Amino acid sequence: MIKISCEACGWVAVTGEPVNDVWREHEAGCPAVGGAVRHLPDLPPIRPRLPEVNPCRHRLVRRQIAVMGNGVKKYAVMCELCGRFVG
């Protein structure tokens, strides 16, 4: 439900219909001397922009991540600069 109000005459409508259609209907028959004045609520503050992303140029290295019980070593390929696992 959307709330619409007129600052000139104090008219308030809570509706699920298209807002502009309801407002146009009120505007045509508003009893206020100067005509209808639509009250628009303050907008929420704009969120700050995210910082610019600089992609990593990935310097791949093979790192040992585990030694199995039978002596086999497990490796991971990862970026030396950012630490992201590649494979």
Protein backbone atom coordinates (compact mmCIF):
# COMPACT_ATOMS: atom_id res chain seq x y z
CA MET A 1 0.00 0.00 0.00
CA ILE A 2 1.21 3.48 -0.89
CA LYS A 3 0.42 6.68 0.99
CA ILE A 4 -0.35 9.87 -0.99
CA SER A 5 -1.11 13.23 0.62
CA CYS A 6 -2.01 16.79 -0.39
CA GLU A 7 -0.32 19.62 1.52
CA ALA A 8 -2.94 22.16 0.48
CA CYS A 9 -6.09 20.52 1.89
CA GLY A 10 -4.73 17.70 4.08
CA TRP A 11 -6.24 14.92 1.94
CA VAL A 12 -4.59 11.51 2.47
CA ALA A 13 -5.04 8.28 0.52
CA VAL A 14 -3.60 4.86 1.18
CA THR A 15 -4.01 2.86 -2.00
CA GLY A 16 -2.84 -0.10 -3.98
CA GLU A 17 -3.94 1.50 -7.27
CA PRO A 18 -1.57 3.41 -9.59
CA VAL A 19 -0.49 6.51 -7.66
CA ASN A 20 -0.63 8.96 -10.55
CA ASP A 21 -4.23 7.98 -11.38
CA VAL A 22 -5.37 8.52 -7.78
CA TRP A 23 -3.52 11.86 -7.61
CA ARG A 24 -5.01 13.09 -10.91
CA GLU A 25 -8.50 12.31 -9.60
CA HIS A 26 -7.86 14.32 -6.40
CA GLU A 27 -6.18 17.17 -8.26
CA ALA A 28 -9.28 17.71 -10.41
CA GLY A 29 -11.55 18.16 -7.38
CA CYS A 30 -9.23 19.58 -4.68
CA PRO A 31 -11.12 22.08 -2.47
CA ALA A 32 -7.98 24.11 -1.61
CA VAL A 33 -7.82 27.72 -2.83
CA GLY A 34 -4.54 27.45 -4.75
CA GLY A 35 -5.16 23.91 -6.01
CA ALA A 36 -3.61 20.62 -5.01
CA VAL A 37 0.02 20.45 -3.81
CA ARG A 38 1.41 16.93 -3.72
CA HIS A 39 3.50 16.00 -0.68
CA LEU A 40 6.53 13.96 -1.71
CA PRO A 41 8.34 12.19 1.13
CA ASP A 42 12.08 12.69 1.52
CA LEU A 43 14.13 10.13 -0.34
CA PRO A 44 16.50 7.90 1.62
CA PRO A 45 20.16 8.95 1.48
CA ILE A 46 22.17 7.66 -1.45
CA ARG A 47 24.54 4.87 -0.52
CA PRO A 48 28.22 5.67 -1.03
CA ARG A 49 29.83 4.18 -4.11
CA LEU A 50 32.00 1.13 -3.70
CA PRO A 51 35.73 1.63 -4.11
CA GLU A 52 37.23 0.98 -7.52
CA VAL A 53 38.33 -2.62 -8.07
CA ASN A 54 41.84 -3.15 -9.36
CA PRO A 55 42.12 -6.68 -10.78
CA CYS A 56 45.12 -8.74 -9.75
CA ARG A 57 47.60 -9.81 -12.44
CA HIS A 58 47.87 -13.25 -10.71
CA ARG A 59 51.35 -14.58 -10.20
CA LEU A 60 50.64 -18.31 -9.93
CA VAL A 61 52.63 -20.50 -7.55
CA ARG A 62 52.23 -24.09 -6.39
CA ARG A 63 51.88 -24.40 -2.59
CA GLN A 64 51.93 -27.53 -0.53
CA ILE A 65 48.68 -27.83 1.40
CA ALA A 66 48.83 -31.35 2.87
CA VAL A 67 50.85 -34.53 3.30
CA MET A 68 48.74 -37.67 3.12
CA GLY A 69 49.26 -40.67 5.41
CA ASN A 70 51.06 -42.59 2.68
CA GLY A 71 53.57 -39.73 2.15
CA VAL A 72 51.96 -38.21 -0.96
CA LYS A 73 52.06 -34.40 -0.97
CA LYS A 74 49.00 -32.39 -2.06
CA TYR A 75 49.49 -29.04 -3.78
CA ALA A 76 47.24 -26.08 -4.62
CA VAL A 77 47.83 -23.54 -7.38
CA MET A 78 47.22 -20.06 -6.04
CA CYS A 79 48.12 -16.44 -6.68
CA GLU A 80 51.16 -15.22 -4.76
CA LEU A 81 49.84 -11.65 -4.75
CA CYS A 82 46.19 -11.96 -3.71
CA GLY A 83 46.00 -15.51 -2.34
CA ARG A 84 43.12 -16.62 -4.58
CA PHE A 85 43.02 -20.34 -5.36
CA VAL A 86 43.13 -20.96 -9.10
CA GLY A 87 43.01 -24.72 -9.29
